[in-house]
Amino acid sequence: MPVAIITGASKGLGRALGAALAERGWDLVLDARTAAALDESARDLSGRGTRVEAVAGDVTDAGHRADLVAAAHKLGGLDLLVNNASALGAEPLVRLEELTLDGLRQALETNVVAALGLIQEALPLLRASGAGAVVDVSSDAAVEAYETWGGYGASKAALDHLSAVLAVEEPGIRVWAVDPGDMRTDLYEAAVPDDEDASGRPSPETVVPSFLRLLDERPPSGRYAAPSLLALLDAR
């Protein structure tokens, strides 16, 4: 069966995507920093008949990244890497004049440096797959200037460019940077805790079909926005 590594998989989009892949028979390597929440997610997904390796840790740690890839190798290889784990840099978000440089470093370290580190670790298995793919979860904050989202947006813009260059350097692998759009997640609640409209945002589960279509139809590497992705693929 195909194997995927999903970071930030204990809740939100990571967990929703893991559930969808499990229903399709994928074997999974799941990452999150909180072991209890990750174990609960793994128990739920393994109950669907798939093999699940839950590896708790921080993606900024090189040893942890190596453990994730080793777990995939144990399951038979690696066909999909989803870099979903993210850090805001400040909770709640603040204007750039207030953003600490350590906060910016944290966002860059998690959202860009760790993502590249995991890609580098995983490349041999992805190349060997014959149908390897990388999904780097982006944000509309990477391309739009939203007040207080400067540090996080800058890190996601860097991730977008890293994805684009990787696609050129690795033509045998699909590399998709995907902006999932607005979602009701713990990350957004931490970013903007006083947003009275947060409860009306779509759940992560509503975004998952866009990611599945990427895997089914394998469009060219590039940056895609989930809200328009389904319509784009329908028109092809």
Protein backbone atom coordinates (compact mmCIF):
# COMPACT_ATOMS: atom_id res chain seq x y z
CA MET A 1 0.00 0.00 0.00
CA PRO A 2 1.15 3.60 -0.50
CA VAL A 3 2.79 5.31 2.47
CA ALA A 4 2.49 8.93 3.60
CA ILE A 5 4.22 11.03 6.23
CA ILE A 6 1.97 13.77 7.61
CA THR A 7 3.34 16.32 10.06
CA GLY A 8 1.05 18.16 12.44
CA ALA A 9 -1.31 15.19 12.24
CA SER A 10 -2.94 15.10 15.67
CA LYS A 11 -5.68 17.61 14.78
CA GLY A 12 -6.95 20.01 12.16
CA LEU A 13 -6.04 19.54 8.52
CA GLY A 14 -3.34 16.95 9.24
CA ARG A 15 -5.73 14.66 11.05
CA ALA A 16 -8.50 15.16 8.48
CA LEU A 17 -6.15 14.33 5.62
CA GLY A 18 -4.83 11.31 7.51
CA ALA A 19 -8.39 10.02 7.97
CA ALA A 20 -9.13 10.41 4.26
CA LEU A 21 -5.96 8.58 3.24
CA ALA A 22 -6.63 5.81 5.76
CA GLU A 23 -10.05 5.29 4.19
CA ARG A 24 -8.24 4.82 0.88
CA GLY A 25 -5.91 2.20 2.36
CA TRP A 26 -2.78 4.31 2.78
CA ASP A 27 -0.31 3.41 5.49
CA LEU A 28 0.61 6.43 7.58
CA VAL A 29 3.45 7.93 9.58
CA LEU A 30 1.98 10.64 11.79
CA ASP A 31 3.86 13.43 13.56
CA ALA A 32 2.87 15.89 16.27
CA ARG A 33 4.53 17.42 19.29
CA THR A 34 1.89 16.27 21.82
CA ALA A 35 2.16 12.52 22.29
CA ALA A 36 -1.25 12.00 23.92
CA ALA A 37 -3.17 13.75 21.14
CA LEU A 38 -1.11 12.00 18.48
CA ASP A 39 -1.68 8.58 20.01
CA GLU A 40 -5.42 9.21 20.11
CA SER A 41 -5.39 10.16 16.44
CA ALA A 42 -3.31 7.10 15.57
CA ARG A 43 -5.70 4.76 17.41
CA ASP A 44 -8.63 6.20 15.51
CA LEU A 45 -6.95 5.85 12.12
CA SER A 46 -5.50 2.38 12.72
CA GLY A 47 -9.05 1.25 13.54
CA ARG A 48 -9.84 1.81 9.87
CA GLY A 49 -7.61 -1.08 8.83
CA THR A 50 -4.44 0.80 7.95
CA ARG A 51 -0.99 0.58 9.49
CA VAL A 52 -0.11 3.68 11.48
CA GLU A 53 3.20 4.71 13.01
CA ALA A 54 2.81 7.59 15.50
CA VAL A 55 6.11 9.37 16.08
CA ALA A 56 5.82 12.21 18.57
CA GLY A 57 8.38 14.99 18.44
CA ASP A 58 9.30 18.37 17.03
CA VAL A 59 10.02 18.66 13.31
CA THR A 60 12.76 21.20 14.08
CA ASP A 61 14.77 18.33 15.59
CA ALA A 62 16.92 16.51 13.01
CA GLY A 63 16.78 13.25 14.92
CA HIS A 64 13.00 13.34 14.93
CA ARG A 65 12.91 13.94 11.18
CA ALA A 66 15.17 10.93 10.68
CA ASP A 67 12.83 8.85 12.85
CA LEU A 68 9.85 9.82 10.67
CA VAL A 69 11.59 8.68 7.50
CA ALA A 70 12.82 5.51 9.19
CA ALA A 71 9.23 4.72 10.17
CA ALA A 72 8.14 5.16 6.55
CA HIS A 73 10.94 2.87 5.39
CA LYS A 74 9.71 0.27 7.89
CA LEU A 75 6.26 0.45 6.28
CA GLY A 76 7.73 -0.15 2.85
CA GLY A 77 8.80 3.22 1.45
CA LEU A 78 7.38 6.69 0.97
CA ASP A 79 4.99 8.00 -1.67
CA LEU A 80 3.77 11.24 -0.09
CA LEU A 81 5.26 13.78 2.31
CA VAL A 82 2.89 16.40 3.71
CA ASN A 83 4.64 19.31 5.44
CA ASN A 84 1.68 20.54 7.49
CA ALA A 85 3.24 21.38 10.86
CA SER A 86 3.33 25.16 11.33
CA ALA A 87 4.32 27.79 13.87
CA LEU A 88 2.84 31.29 14.03
CA GLY A 89 5.80 33.06 15.62
CA ALA A 90 3.50 34.86 18.08
CA GLU A 91 0.23 33.84 19.74
CA PRO A 92 -1.87 35.87 19.25
CA LEU A 93 -0.39 37.46 16.16
CA VAL A 94 1.11 40.95 16.49
CA ARG A 95 2.17 43.79 14.20
CA LEU A 96 5.70 43.62 12.82
CA GLU A 97 6.85 46.39 15.16
CA GLU A 98 6.02 44.07 18.07
CA LEU A 99 7.11 40.75 16.57
CA THR A 100 10.18 39.47 18.42
CA LEU A 101 13.02 38.27 16.26
CA ASP A 102 12.98 35.01 18.18
CA GLY A 103 9.33 34.63 17.18
CA LEU A 104 10.19 35.16 13.53
CA ARG A 105 13.03 32.66 13.83
CA GLN A 106 10.61 30.12 15.31
CA ALA A 107 8.20 30.53 12.38
CA LEU A 108 11.01 30.22 9.84
CA GLU A 109 12.58 27.27 11.64
CA THR A 110 9.34 25.27 11.74
CA ASN A 111 7.70 26.33 8.50
CA VAL A 112 10.74 26.47 6.23
CA VAL A 113 13.95 25.03 7.67
CA ALA A 114 12.34 21.94 9.18
CA ALA A 115 10.24 21.37 6.06
CA LEU A 116 13.38 21.40 3.90
CA GLY A 117 15.19 19.18 6.39
CA LEU A 118 12.42 16.58 6.20
CA ILE A 119 12.34 16.79 2.40
CA GLN A 120 16.09 16.22 2.26
CA GLU A 121 15.77 13.22 4.58
CA ALA A 122 12.88 11.79 2.56
CA LEU A 123 14.16 12.38 -0.99
CA PRO A 124 15.75 8.95 -1.52
CA LEU A 125 12.48 7.19 -0.67
CA LEU A 126 10.39 9.65 -2.69
CA ARG A 127 12.61 9.17 -5.74
CA ALA A 128 12.41 5.39 -5.37
CA SER A 129 8.62 5.49 -5.20
CA GLY A 130 8.20 6.24 -8.89
CA ALA A 131 5.20 8.40 -7.99
CA GLY A 132 6.56 10.42 -5.09
CA ALA A 133 4.91 13.68 -4.11
CA VAL A 134 5.47 16.50 -1.65
CA VAL A 135 2.65 18.70 -0.37
CA ASP A 136 3.80 21.86 1.39
CA VAL A 137 0.85 23.46 3.15
CA SER A 138 0.94 27.18 2.42
CA SER A 139 -1.37 30.08 3.23
CA ASP A 140 -2.99 33.05 1.54
CA ALA A 141 -0.88 35.10 3.97
CA ALA A 142 2.08 34.15 1.76
CA VAL A 143 0.76 36.30 -1.09
CA GLU A 144 -1.55 38.83 0.61
CA ALA A 145 -0.55 41.60 3.04
CA TYR A 146 -2.69 41.01 6.13
CA GLU A 147 -2.03 43.09 9.21
CA THR A 148 -0.31 41.07 11.98
CA TRP A 149 0.35 38.10 9.65
CA GLY A 150 3.76 39.40 8.49
CA GLY A 151 6.07 36.89 10.16
CA TYR A 152 3.91 33.85 9.46
CA GLY A 153 3.21 35.04 5.92
CA ALA A 154 6.89 35.60 5.23
CA SER A 155 7.67 32.04 6.32
CA LYS A 156 4.97 30.62 4.07
CA ALA A 157 6.17 32.75 1.14
CA ALA A 158 9.63 31.26 1.66
CA LEU A 159 8.09 27.78 1.72
CA ASP A 160 6.30 28.51 -1.56
CA HIS A 161 9.55 29.46 -3.25
CA LEU A 162 11.38 26.49 -1.80
CA SER A 163 8.62 24.28 -3.26
CA ALA A 164 8.94 25.90 -6.68
CA VAL A 165 12.71 25.40 -6.80
CA LEU A 166 12.42 21.81 -5.56
CA ALA A 167 10.00 21.09 -8.41
CA VAL A 168 12.58 22.30 -10.93
CA GLU A 169 15.38 20.32 -9.31
CA GLU A 170 13.32 17.12 -8.90
CA PRO A 171 11.26 16.71 -12.07
CA GLY A 172 10.49 13.09 -11.19
CA ILE A 173 8.58 14.16 -8.07
CA ARG A 174 5.39 16.19 -7.88
CA VAL A 175 5.81 19.19 -5.56
CA TRP A 176 2.63 21.07 -4.70
CA ALA A 177 2.39 24.13 -2.44
CA VAL A 178 -1.26 24.23 -1.41
CA ASP A 179 -3.10 27.14 0.19
CA PRO A 180 -6.02 25.46 1.98
CA GLY A 181 -7.92 28.71 2.48
CA ASP A 182 -9.84 29.72 5.59
CA MET A 183 -10.37 26.91 8.08
CA ARG A 184 -11.61 26.53 11.62
CA THR A 185 -8.49 25.25 13.37
CA ASP A 186 -6.66 25.60 16.67
CA LEU A 187 -3.88 27.42 14.80
CA TYR A 188 -6.27 30.11 13.62
CA GLU A 189 -7.83 30.40 17.07
CA ALA A 190 -4.37 30.91 18.57
CA ALA A 191 -3.56 33.49 15.91
CA VAL A 192 -6.75 35.52 16.28
CA PRO A 193 -8.45 34.46 19.53
CA ASP A 194 -10.95 37.33 19.51
CA ASP A 195 -12.33 36.68 16.01
CA GLU A 196 -16.09 36.47 16.46
CA ASP A 197 -16.47 34.97 12.97
CA ALA A 198 -14.10 32.06 13.58
CA SER A 199 -16.90 29.57 14.28
CA GLY A 200 -18.30 30.18 10.81
CA ARG A 201 -15.11 29.18 9.04
CA PRO A 202 -15.10 25.87 7.12
CA SER A 203 -13.86 22.76 8.89
CA PRO A 204 -10.62 21.15 7.66
CA GLU A 205 -12.60 18.17 6.37
CA THR A 206 -14.17 20.37 3.69
CA VAL A 207 -10.72 21.10 2.22
CA VAL A 208 -9.52 17.50 2.02
CA PRO A 209 -11.19 16.67 -1.34
CA SER A 210 -8.88 19.19 -3.01
CA PHE A 211 -5.82 17.36 -1.71
CA LEU A 212 -7.22 14.01 -2.80
CA ARG A 213 -7.79 15.31 -6.31
CA LEU A 214 -4.13 16.31 -6.46
CA LEU A 215 -3.16 12.73 -5.67
CA ASP A 216 -5.68 11.28 -8.11
CA GLU A 217 -4.94 13.52 -11.09
CA ARG A 218 -1.33 14.54 -10.36
CA PRO A 219 -1.35 17.94 -12.08
CA PRO A 220 2.00 19.62 -12.71
CA SER A 221 4.04 20.78 -9.75
CA GLY A 222 3.09 24.28 -8.66
CA ARG A 223 1.16 26.42 -6.20
CA TYR A 224 -2.55 25.73 -5.87
CA ALA A 225 -5.33 27.30 -3.79
CA ALA A 226 -7.74 24.68 -2.49
CA PRO A 227 -10.90 26.80 -2.98
CA SER A 228 -10.22 27.00 -6.73
CA LEU A 229 -8.38 23.70 -7.17
CA LEU A 230 -11.43 21.52 -7.73
CA ALA A 231 -12.81 23.85 -10.38
CA LEU A 232 -9.42 24.01 -12.09
CA LEU A 233 -9.08 20.24 -12.21
CA ASP A 234 -12.67 19.84 -13.42
CA ALA A 235 -11.85 22.11 -16.34
CA ARG A 236 -8.81 20.09 -17.43
